[in-house]
Amino acid sequence: MTEPIIRCNGLSHTYKGMVLALDQIELQVHEGEILGIIGQNGSGKTTLVKHLNGLLKPTSGTVTVDGMDTRKVTVNTLSRTVGYVFQNPNHQLFANSVNAEISFGPSNLGLGAAEANQRIEEAVQFFDLQVFRTIHPYRLSFPIRKMVCMAAVFAMRPKVMVLDEPTTGQDHAGVDRVHELIRKLQESHTTVIMVSHDMRLEAAVADRIVVLRDGRILAEGSPRQVFAQAEILKSTNLQAPQVAQLGQRIGLGLTLTVPEFIQQYTNWRPVSEAEDHGE
């Protein structure tokens, strides 16, 4: 396994008013990994990821990002390594065209014109935004605006991208597109951290999932390991994806995705039918 690009050691955070939001978090994130972070509202998910690019500083403990102690470097410096895509694109968009939005980051990194233009073009192509280049972002649909935000962050070539609820506001086709894009990000050697209530997304694309409750890590493992822990999920008011619940209900075991369900059901059904006919 690759070396961790992010290390959280004894990370705790207390907000003003003495609200303990994170409590002794121990976490490593490896280069090229897709990490899912799940938990109910108030569990500490957003507080945790805001420590990764310096938007928040530890009350105690440390966060190290690509060898940098986040307490000792600026948000501007960390943002070159960790890009953050907000849940609501309206909190991120500010330029008067898609092209200007995507151009802003590379144009302010001190790059040469050729390198900056190359990054902009690659981001536009990667997120399939060619036809929207001259349009004001606020004239676009909510799902496309989210793609513009992802492209703007991607154009800065961070080693890590944090995606906050990336499937919110997407229709079924849009959700599938997000799945595809996250896999493409991994193929481009980008580490992806997803904060999401979308269990289908987490099951389909995450390499590892962390479950938070009351600012602590309650469970950690592969999607199959995490979603097999029914009691832990119940204690956090979370549920496995619907297809996993269906598979367990009819005796197939834990099927995390629709293709997996179909494959297992196809293999299982002939045996069941043979038994029904006494063969």
Foldseek 3Di string as FASTA:
>chain_A
DAAFQKFWAQFWAADPVRQTQAGGETDTFGFLFEEEEEFDPSLNPVVVVCCQLLVDPGPDTFMAGNNDTSVPDDSVVSLLAEPEQDPFLVVPDDDQFLLCLLLVQLVPPPDDPVLSVVLSVVLCVLLVPVVRGGHGLVVDARLVSSSSSVSSSVSSVHLEYEYEANCPPPDPVSLVVVLVSVVVCSVVRHYYYYYHLPLLSQLRRGQKYFYGGSNYTPDIDGSLVVQVCVVVCVVRVHHHPPLQVVCVVVPLHGQRHPVSSVVSCVVPVVVVVCVVVVD
